[in-house]
C-alpha atoms as a PDB file:
ATOM      1  CA  UNK A   1       9.891 -30.422 -10.114  1.00  0.00           C
ATOM      2  CA  UNK A   2       6.892 -28.829 -10.670  1.00  0.00           C
ATOM      3  CA  UNK A   3       4.008 -29.411  -8.378  1.00  0.00           C
ATOM      4  CA  UNK A   4       1.556 -31.717  -9.535  1.00  0.00           C
ATOM      5  CA  UNK A   5      -2.035 -31.060  -8.480  1.00  0.00           C
ATOM      6  CA  UNK A   6      -5.162 -32.969  -8.348  1.00  0.00           C
ATOM      7  CA  UNK A   7      -8.608 -32.306 -10.167  1.00  0.00           C
ATOM      8  CA  UNK A   8     -10.027 -31.234  -7.000  1.00  0.00           C
ATOM      9  CA  UNK A   9      -7.702 -29.042  -6.286  1.00  0.00           C
ATOM     10  CA  UNK A  10      -7.476 -27.127  -9.840  1.00  0.00           C
ATOM     11  CA  UNK A  11     -11.442 -26.945  -9.392  1.00  0.00           C
ATOM     12  CA  UNK A  12     -11.157 -25.228  -5.871  1.00  0.00           C
ATOM     13  CA  UNK A  13      -8.491 -23.129  -7.198  1.00  0.00           C
ATOM     14  CA  UNK A  14     -10.463 -21.521 -10.409  1.00  0.00           C
ATOM     15  CA  UNK A  15     -13.544 -21.299  -7.686  1.00  0.00           C
ATOM     16  CA  UNK A  16     -11.518 -19.425  -5.652  1.00  0.00           C
ATOM     17  CA  UNK A  17     -10.469 -17.173  -8.110  1.00  0.00           C
ATOM     18  CA  UNK A  18     -13.359 -16.771  -9.527  1.00  0.00           C
ATOM     19  CA  UNK A  19     -14.788 -15.926  -5.669  1.00  0.00           C
ATOM     20  CA  UNK A  20     -11.812 -12.914  -5.696  1.00  0.00           C
ATOM     21  CA  UNK A  21     -12.972 -11.713  -8.754  1.00  0.00           C
ATOM     22  CA  UNK A  22     -16.734 -11.022  -8.088  1.00  0.00           C
ATOM     23  CA  UNK A  23     -15.567  -9.982  -4.527  1.00  0.00           C
ATOM     24  CA  UNK A  24     -13.468  -7.039  -6.503  1.00  0.00           C
ATOM     25  CA  UNK A  25     -16.635  -6.384  -8.960  1.00  0.00           C
ATOM     26  CA  UNK A  26     -18.905  -6.153  -5.619  1.00  0.00           C
ATOM     27  CA  UNK A  27     -16.300  -3.946  -3.791  1.00  0.00           C
ATOM     28  CA  UNK A  28     -15.819  -1.512  -6.759  1.00  0.00           C
ATOM     29  CA  UNK A  29     -19.691  -1.639  -7.363  1.00  0.00           C
ATOM     30  CA  UNK A  30     -21.417  -1.641  -3.521  1.00  0.00           C
ATOM     31  CA  UNK A  31     -18.081  -0.857  -1.480  1.00  0.00           C
ATOM     32  CA  UNK A  32     -16.674  -2.665   1.269  1.00  0.00           C
ATOM     33  CA  UNK A  33     -19.248  -2.102   3.840  1.00  0.00           C
ATOM     34  CA  UNK A  34     -21.519  -3.691   1.814  1.00  0.00           C
ATOM     35  CA  UNK A  35     -19.737  -6.468   0.606  1.00  0.00           C
ATOM     36  CA  UNK A  36     -22.092  -9.620   0.955  1.00  0.00           C
ATOM     37  CA  UNK A  37     -21.074 -13.365   1.005  1.00  0.00           C
ATOM     38  CA  UNK A  38     -24.675 -14.535  -0.154  1.00  0.00           C
ATOM     39  CA  UNK A  39     -24.345 -11.840  -3.091  1.00  0.00           C
ATOM     40  CA  UNK A  40     -21.358 -13.719  -4.264  1.00  0.00           C
ATOM     41  CA  UNK A  41     -22.781 -16.777  -3.989  1.00  0.00           C
ATOM     42  CA  UNK A  42     -25.656 -15.847  -6.300  1.00  0.00           C
ATOM     43  CA  UNK A  43     -23.465 -14.269  -8.993  1.00  0.00           C
ATOM     44  CA  UNK A  44     -21.328 -17.416  -8.920  1.00  0.00           C
ATOM     45  CA  UNK A  45     -24.237 -19.401  -9.329  1.00  0.00           C
ATOM     46  CA  UNK A  46     -24.086 -21.841  -6.027  1.00  0.00           C
ATOM     47  CA  UNK A  47     -26.321 -21.921  -2.940  1.00  0.00           C
ATOM     48  CA  UNK A  48     -25.501 -19.627  -0.452  1.00  0.00           C
ATOM     49  CA  UNK A  49     -23.995 -22.224   2.118  1.00  0.00           C
ATOM     50  CA  UNK A  50     -22.240 -23.642  -0.743  1.00  0.00           C
ATOM     51  CA  UNK A  51     -19.797 -20.897  -0.477  1.00  0.00           C
ATOM     52  CA  UNK A  52     -18.623 -21.144   2.729  1.00  0.00           C
ATOM     53  CA  UNK A  53     -16.641 -24.165   1.575  1.00  0.00           C
ATOM     54  CA  UNK A  54     -14.257 -21.812   0.242  1.00  0.00           C
ATOM     55  CA  UNK A  55     -14.605 -18.613   2.766  1.00  0.00           C
ATOM     56  CA  UNK A  56     -15.578 -19.200   6.106  1.00  0.00           C
ATOM     57  CA  UNK A  57     -16.929 -15.688   6.736  1.00  0.00           C
ATOM     58  CA  UNK A  58     -17.447 -12.004   5.326  1.00  0.00           C
ATOM     59  CA  UNK A  59     -14.277 -10.811   7.352  1.00  0.00           C
ATOM     60  CA  UNK A  60     -11.822 -13.475   5.971  1.00  0.00           C
ATOM     61  CA  UNK A  61     -13.218 -12.517   2.140  1.00  0.00           C
ATOM     62  CA  UNK A  62     -12.479  -9.108   3.332  1.00  0.00           C
ATOM     63  CA  UNK A  63      -8.601  -9.748   4.915  1.00  0.00           C
ATOM     64  CA  UNK A  64      -8.184 -11.846   1.710  1.00  0.00           C
ATOM     65  CA  UNK A  65      -8.866  -8.867  -0.655  1.00  0.00           C
ATOM     66  CA  UNK A  66      -6.809  -6.483   1.833  1.00  0.00           C
ATOM     67  CA  UNK A  67      -4.068  -8.881   1.467  1.00  0.00           C
ATOM     68  CA  UNK A  68      -4.440  -9.048  -2.392  1.00  0.00           C
ATOM     69  CA  UNK A  69      -4.470  -5.717  -2.602  1.00  0.00           C
ATOM     70  CA  UNK A  70      -1.449  -4.521  -0.283  1.00  0.00           C
ATOM     71  CA  UNK A  71       0.186  -7.165  -2.870  1.00  0.00           C
ATOM     72  CA  UNK A  72      -0.600  -5.753  -5.893  1.00  0.00           C
ATOM     73  CA  UNK A  73       0.239  -2.320  -4.908  1.00  0.00           C
ATOM     74  CA  UNK A  74       3.639  -3.828  -3.495  1.00  0.00           C
ATOM     75  CA  UNK A  75       4.118  -5.454  -6.876  1.00  0.00           C
ATOM     76  CA  UNK A  76       3.631  -2.155  -8.929  1.00  0.00           C
ATOM     77  CA  UNK A  77       6.032  -0.297  -7.004  1.00  0.00           C
ATOM     78  CA  UNK A  78       8.832  -3.277  -7.223  1.00  0.00           C
ATOM     79  CA  UNK A  79       7.986  -3.518 -10.968  1.00  0.00           C
ATOM     80  CA  UNK A  80       8.959   0.509 -11.344  1.00  0.00           C
ATOM     81  CA  UNK A  81      11.914   0.317  -9.191  1.00  0.00           C
ATOM     82  CA  UNK A  82      13.105  -2.678 -11.029  1.00  0.00           C
ATOM     83  CA  UNK A  83      15.384  -1.465 -13.742  1.00  0.00           C
ATOM     84  CA  UNK A  84      15.299   2.208 -11.493  1.00  0.00           C
ATOM     85  CA  UNK A  85      18.217   4.555 -11.414  1.00  0.00           C
ATOM     86  CA  UNK A  86      20.725   4.440  -8.679  1.00  0.00           C
ATOM     87  CA  UNK A  87      19.832   8.215  -7.789  1.00  0.00           C
ATOM     88  CA  UNK A  88      17.641   8.314  -4.548  1.00  0.00           C
ATOM     89  CA  UNK A  89      15.841  10.950  -5.314  1.00  0.00           C
ATOM     90  CA  UNK A  90      14.512   9.558  -8.559  1.00  0.00           C
ATOM     91  CA  UNK A  91      13.831   6.034  -6.966  1.00  0.00           C
ATOM     92  CA  UNK A  92      11.541   7.875  -4.792  1.00  0.00           C
ATOM     93  CA  UNK A  93       9.671   9.943  -7.183  1.00  0.00           C
ATOM     94  CA  UNK A  94       9.242   6.340  -9.452  1.00  0.00           C
ATOM     95  CA  UNK A  95       8.104   4.830  -6.327  1.00  0.00           C
ATOM     96  CA  UNK A  96       5.399   7.673  -5.444  1.00  0.00           C
ATOM     97  CA  UNK A  97       4.154   7.457  -9.103  1.00  0.00           C
ATOM     98  CA  UNK A  98       3.551   4.012  -8.828  1.00  0.00           C
ATOM     99  CA  UNK A  99       1.789   3.976  -5.740  1.00  0.00           C
ATOM    100  CA  UNK A 100      -0.388   6.948  -7.484  1.00  0.00           C
ATOM    101  CA  UNK A 101      -1.058   5.242 -11.042  1.00  0.00           C
ATOM    102  CA  UNK A 102      -1.773   1.815  -9.049  1.00  0.00           C
ATOM    103  CA  UNK A 103      -4.782   4.146  -6.665  1.00  0.00           C
ATOM    104  CA  UNK A 104      -5.978   5.674  -9.865  1.00  0.00           C
ATOM    105  CA  UNK A 105      -6.565   2.408 -11.798  1.00  0.00           C
ATOM    106  CA  UNK A 106      -7.957   0.785  -8.834  1.00  0.00           C
ATOM    107  CA  UNK A 107      -9.943   3.281  -6.609  1.00  0.00           C
ATOM    108  CA  UNK A 108     -12.140   1.070  -5.381  1.00  0.00           C
ATOM    109  CA  UNK A 109      -9.172  -1.392  -3.489  1.00  0.00           C
ATOM    110  CA  UNK A 110      -7.190   1.517  -2.702  1.00  0.00           C
ATOM    111  CA  UNK A 111     -10.267   2.423  -0.858  1.00  0.00           C
ATOM    112  CA  UNK A 112     -10.316  -0.543   0.947  1.00  0.00           C
ATOM    113  CA  UNK A 113      -6.929  -0.171   1.861  1.00  0.00           C
ATOM    114  CA  UNK A 114      -6.568   3.660   2.763  1.00  0.00           C
ATOM    115  CA  UNK A 115     -10.373   4.529   2.911  1.00  0.00           C
ATOM    116  CA  UNK A 116     -12.936   4.326   5.871  1.00  0.00           C
ATOM    117  CA  UNK A 117     -12.884   1.596   7.800  1.00  0.00           C
ATOM    118  CA  UNK A 118     -15.434  -0.995   7.184  1.00  0.00           C
ATOM    119  CA  UNK A 119     -17.785  -1.016  10.520  1.00  0.00           C
ATOM    120  CA  UNK A 120     -16.922  -4.351  12.528  1.00  0.00           C
ATOM    121  CA  UNK A 121     -13.823  -5.209  10.755  1.00  0.00           C
ATOM    122  CA  UNK A 122     -10.443  -5.433  12.022  1.00  0.00           C
ATOM    123  CA  UNK A 123      -7.660  -6.689   9.835  1.00  0.00           C
ATOM    124  CA  UNK A 124      -5.580 -10.078  11.716  1.00  0.00           C
ATOM    125  CA  UNK A 125      -2.690  -8.427  12.162  1.00  0.00           C
ATOM    126  CA  UNK A 126      -0.616 -12.060  11.419  1.00  0.00           C
ATOM    127  CA  UNK A 127      -1.708 -11.826   7.835  1.00  0.00           C
ATOM    128  CA  UNK A 128      -1.881  -8.241   6.471  1.00  0.00           C
ATOM    129  CA  UNK A 129       1.353  -6.561   8.213  1.00  0.00           C
ATOM    130  CA  UNK A 130       3.557  -8.079   5.762  1.00  0.00           C
ATOM    131  CA  UNK A 131       1.990  -6.990   2.552  1.00  0.00           C
ATOM    132  CA  UNK A 132       0.752  -3.911   4.354  1.00  0.00           C
ATOM    133  CA  UNK A 133       4.200  -2.720   5.220  1.00  0.00           C
ATOM    134  CA  UNK A 134       6.104  -3.230   1.451  1.00  0.00           C
ATOM    135  CA  UNK A 135       6.060   0.022   0.121  1.00  0.00           C
ATOM    136  CA  UNK A 136       6.889   1.625   3.287  1.00  0.00           C
ATOM    137  CA  UNK A 137      10.065  -0.880   3.517  1.00  0.00           C
ATOM    138  CA  UNK A 138      10.797  -0.283  -0.054  1.00  0.00           C
ATOM    139  CA  UNK A 139      10.714   3.670   0.860  1.00  0.00           C
ATOM    140  CA  UNK A 140      12.958   3.226   4.246  1.00  0.00           C
ATOM    141  CA  UNK A 141      14.924   1.397   2.084  1.00  0.00           C
ATOM    142  CA  UNK A 142      15.844   3.713  -0.732  1.00  0.00           C
ATOM    143  CA  UNK A 143      16.240   5.923   2.282  1.00  0.00           C
ATOM    144  CA  UNK A 144      18.724   3.802   4.000  1.00  0.00           C
ATOM    145  CA  UNK A 145      20.787   3.332   1.016  1.00  0.00           C
ATOM    146  CA  UNK A 146      21.411   6.822  -0.230  1.00  0.00           C
ATOM    147  CA  UNK A 147      22.213   7.743   3.507  1.00  0.00           C
ATOM    148  CA  UNK A 148      24.874   4.492   3.487  1.00  0.00           C
ATOM    149  CA  UNK A 149      25.903   6.271   0.209  1.00  0.00           C
ATOM    150  CA  UNK A 150      26.754   9.590   1.794  1.00  0.00           C
ATOM    151  CA  UNK A 151      24.050  11.042  -0.526  1.00  0.00           C
ATOM    152  CA  UNK A 152      22.139  12.606   1.984  1.00  0.00           C
ATOM    153  CA  UNK A 153      22.894  16.056   3.151  1.00  0.00           C
ATOM    154  CA  UNK A 154      21.707  17.035   7.131  1.00  0.00           C
ATOM    155  CA  UNK A 155      19.841  20.425   7.230  1.00  0.00           C
ATOM    156  CA  UNK A 156      21.283  22.924   9.354  1.00  0.00           C
ATOM    157  CA  UNK A 157      19.033  22.291  12.163  1.00  0.00           C
ATOM    158  CA  UNK A 158      17.725  18.617  12.947  1.00  0.00           C
ATOM    159  CA  UNK A 159      14.950  18.769  15.151  1.00  0.00           C
ATOM    160  CA  UNK A 160      15.295  16.668  18.691  1.00  0.00           C
ATOM    161  CA  UNK A 161      12.809  13.851  19.008  1.00  0.00           C
ATOM    162  CA  UNK A 162      10.810  13.426  21.754  1.00  0.00           C
ATOM    163  CA  UNK A 163      11.232  10.518  24.292  1.00  0.00           C
ATOM    164  CA  UNK A 164       8.049   9.021  22.921  1.00  0.00           C
ATOM    165  CA  UNK A 165       8.874   9.040  19.232  1.00  0.00           C
ATOM    166  CA  UNK A 166      12.525   8.389  19.554  1.00  0.00           C
ATOM    167  CA  UNK A 167      11.530   5.062  21.172  1.00  0.00           C
ATOM    168  CA  UNK A 168       9.165   4.445  18.640  1.00  0.00           C
ATOM    169  CA  UNK A 169      12.093   4.903  16.300  1.00  0.00           C
ATOM    170  CA  UNK A 170      14.593   3.073  17.836  1.00  0.00           C
ATOM    171  CA  UNK A 171      11.866   0.112  17.648  1.00  0.00           C
ATOM    172  CA  UNK A 172      11.721   0.506  13.819  1.00  0.00           C
ATOM    173  CA  UNK A 173      15.532   0.841  13.494  1.00  0.00           C
ATOM    174  CA  UNK A 174      15.651  -2.645  15.568  1.00  0.00           C
ATOM    175  CA  UNK A 175      13.326  -4.092  13.859  1.00  0.00           C
ATOM    176  CA  UNK A 176      14.220  -3.753  10.191  1.00  0.00           C
ATOM    177  CA  UNK A 177      17.915  -3.004  10.679  1.00  0.00           C
ATOM    178  CA  UNK A 178      18.133   0.112   9.635  1.00  0.00           C
ATOM    179  CA  UNK A 179      21.639   2.378  10.069  1.00  0.00           C
ATOM    180  CA  UNK A 180      20.497   5.669   9.077  1.00  0.00           C
ATOM    181  CA  UNK A 181      20.060   8.182  12.184  1.00  0.00           C
ATOM    182  CA  UNK A 182      16.707   8.072  14.354  1.00  0.00           C
ATOM    183  CA  UNK A 183      15.921  12.045  12.863  1.00  0.00           C
ATOM    184  CA  UNK A 184      15.747  10.536   8.915  1.00  0.00           C
ATOM    185  CA  UNK A 185      13.661   7.486   9.944  1.00  0.00           C
ATOM    186  CA  UNK A 186      11.001  10.235  11.666  1.00  0.00           C
ATOM    187  CA  UNK A 187      11.453  12.529   8.692  1.00  0.00           C
ATOM    188  CA  UNK A 188      10.788   8.964   5.957  1.00  0.00           C
ATOM    189  CA  UNK A 189       7.797   7.989   7.912  1.00  0.00           C
ATOM    190  CA  UNK A 190       6.789  11.759   7.839  1.00  0.00           C
ATOM    191  CA  UNK A 191       7.038  11.531   3.957  1.00  0.00           C
ATOM    192  CA  UNK A 192       5.336   8.006   3.801  1.00  0.00           C
ATOM    193  CA  UNK A 193       2.037   9.535   5.634  1.00  0.00           C
ATOM    194  CA  UNK A 194       2.674  12.936   3.271  1.00  0.00           C
ATOM    195  CA  UNK A 195       2.802  10.359  -0.552  1.00  0.00           C
ATOM    196  CA  UNK A 196      -0.398   8.631   0.802  1.00  0.00           C
ATOM    197  CA  UNK A 197      -2.146  11.971   1.642  1.00  0.00           C
ATOM    198  CA  UNK A 198      -1.896  13.351  -1.461  1.00  0.00           C
ATOM    199  CA  UNK A 199      -2.754  10.349  -3.030  1.00  0.00           C
ATOM    200  CA  UNK A 200      -5.769  10.114  -0.982  1.00  0.00           C
ATOM    201  CA  UNK A 201      -6.572  13.705  -1.631  1.00  0.00           C
ATOM    202  CA  UNK A 202      -6.752  12.834  -5.120  1.00  0.00           C
ATOM    203  CA  UNK A 203      -8.284   9.459  -5.548  1.00  0.00           C
ATOM    204  CA  UNK A 204     -11.256  10.655  -2.996  1.00  0.00           C
ATOM    205  CA  UNK A 205     -12.146  13.789  -4.871  1.00  0.00           C
ATOM    206  CA  UNK A 206     -10.891  15.821  -1.635  1.00  0.00           C
ATOM    207  CA  UNK A 207      -9.327  19.078  -4.008  1.00  0.00           C
ATOM    208  CA  UNK A 208     -12.954  19.550  -5.217  1.00  0.00           C
ATOM    209  CA  UNK A 209     -13.670  19.186  -8.976  1.00  0.00           C
ATOM    210  CA  UNK A 210     -12.354  22.828 -10.176  1.00  0.00           C
ATOM    211  CA  UNK A 211      -9.728  23.160  -8.138  1.00  0.00           C
ATOM    212  CA  UNK A 212      -6.726  21.772 -10.197  1.00  0.00           C
ATOM    213  CA  UNK A 213      -6.987  21.423 -13.908  1.00  0.00           C
ATOM    214  CA  UNK A 214      -4.321  18.659 -13.683  1.00  0.00           C
ATOM    215  CA  UNK A 215      -3.569  17.435  -9.943  1.00  0.00           C
ATOM    216  CA  UNK A 216      -0.321  15.309 -11.966  1.00  0.00           C
ATOM    217  CA  UNK A 217       1.311  18.674 -11.913  1.00  0.00           C
ATOM    218  CA  UNK A 218       0.830  19.517  -8.213  1.00  0.00           C
ATOM    219  CA  UNK A 219       1.793  15.492  -7.032  1.00  0.00           C
ATOM    220  CA  UNK A 220       5.095  15.887  -9.244  1.00  0.00           C
ATOM    221  CA  UNK A 221       5.378  19.390  -7.193  1.00  0.00           C
ATOM    222  CA  UNK A 222       4.613  17.882  -3.933  1.00  0.00           C
ATOM    223  CA  UNK A 223       7.169  14.813  -4.324  1.00  0.00           C
ATOM    224  CA  UNK A 224      10.042  16.652  -5.254  1.00  0.00           C
ATOM    225  CA  UNK A 225       9.284  18.814  -2.216  1.00  0.00           C
ATOM    226  CA  UNK A 226       9.069  15.740   0.062  1.00  0.00           C
ATOM    227  CA  UNK A 227      12.703  14.225  -2.002  1.00  0.00           C
ATOM    228  CA  UNK A 228      14.025  17.892  -0.664  1.00  0.00           C
ATOM    229  CA  UNK A 229      12.518  17.631   3.034  1.00  0.00           C
ATOM    230  CA  UNK A 230      14.696  13.933   3.190  1.00  0.00           C
ATOM    231  CA  UNK A 231      17.880  15.701   1.728  1.00  0.00           C
ATOM    232  CA  UNK A 232      18.830  13.805  -1.377  1.00  0.00           C
ATOM    233  CA  UNK A 233      21.929  15.297  -3.127  1.00  0.00           C
ATOM    234  CA  UNK A 234      20.810  15.718  -6.412  1.00  0.00           C
END
């Protein structure tokens, strides 16, 4: 049965949606460090004290933006994989393309998540970790499925993990109920960072204005190299 909400609840929901819209506009225009509740209130056409009935502080508004951005990125990846082929390499490439496409379309929000930290702001783990790990969980799921199906070829020489890294990997294996070996989990984490490093280089203009005529071609090559590094068959 559909929940029936009161006019007051609906009005509050509309106001919150407008606050978030204006906050996203500020983020795109001035950057996360300059985000201001007073400016949001002014654009909303209410006195500055009234906005605090909806959002307690600038940090709370930043957290809402962070969770929303992580969720939208996760949704973009999930949509890309919804009708993806079963081949692990193709699923990985589709995931990577979805991350890149979202980041290029939403550079300010991508920058909030993966750019320069906002001075004085610390994202509360209890509110952000679940949304923030959706993409890497999806990635590790692709790797795990490929391992369980016998679709990963181990390299002839598998480097041993240091005791510290091995302990970290074991903790992840337990937390996410992974079956694949430690070296593959560690390699997956490296691929995760490499994927977002490639995206960040493009979004933040780190290649320079005249280095690449088409950054997407280098991205596609890089993702194929990462897929080969994971040992996906085919």
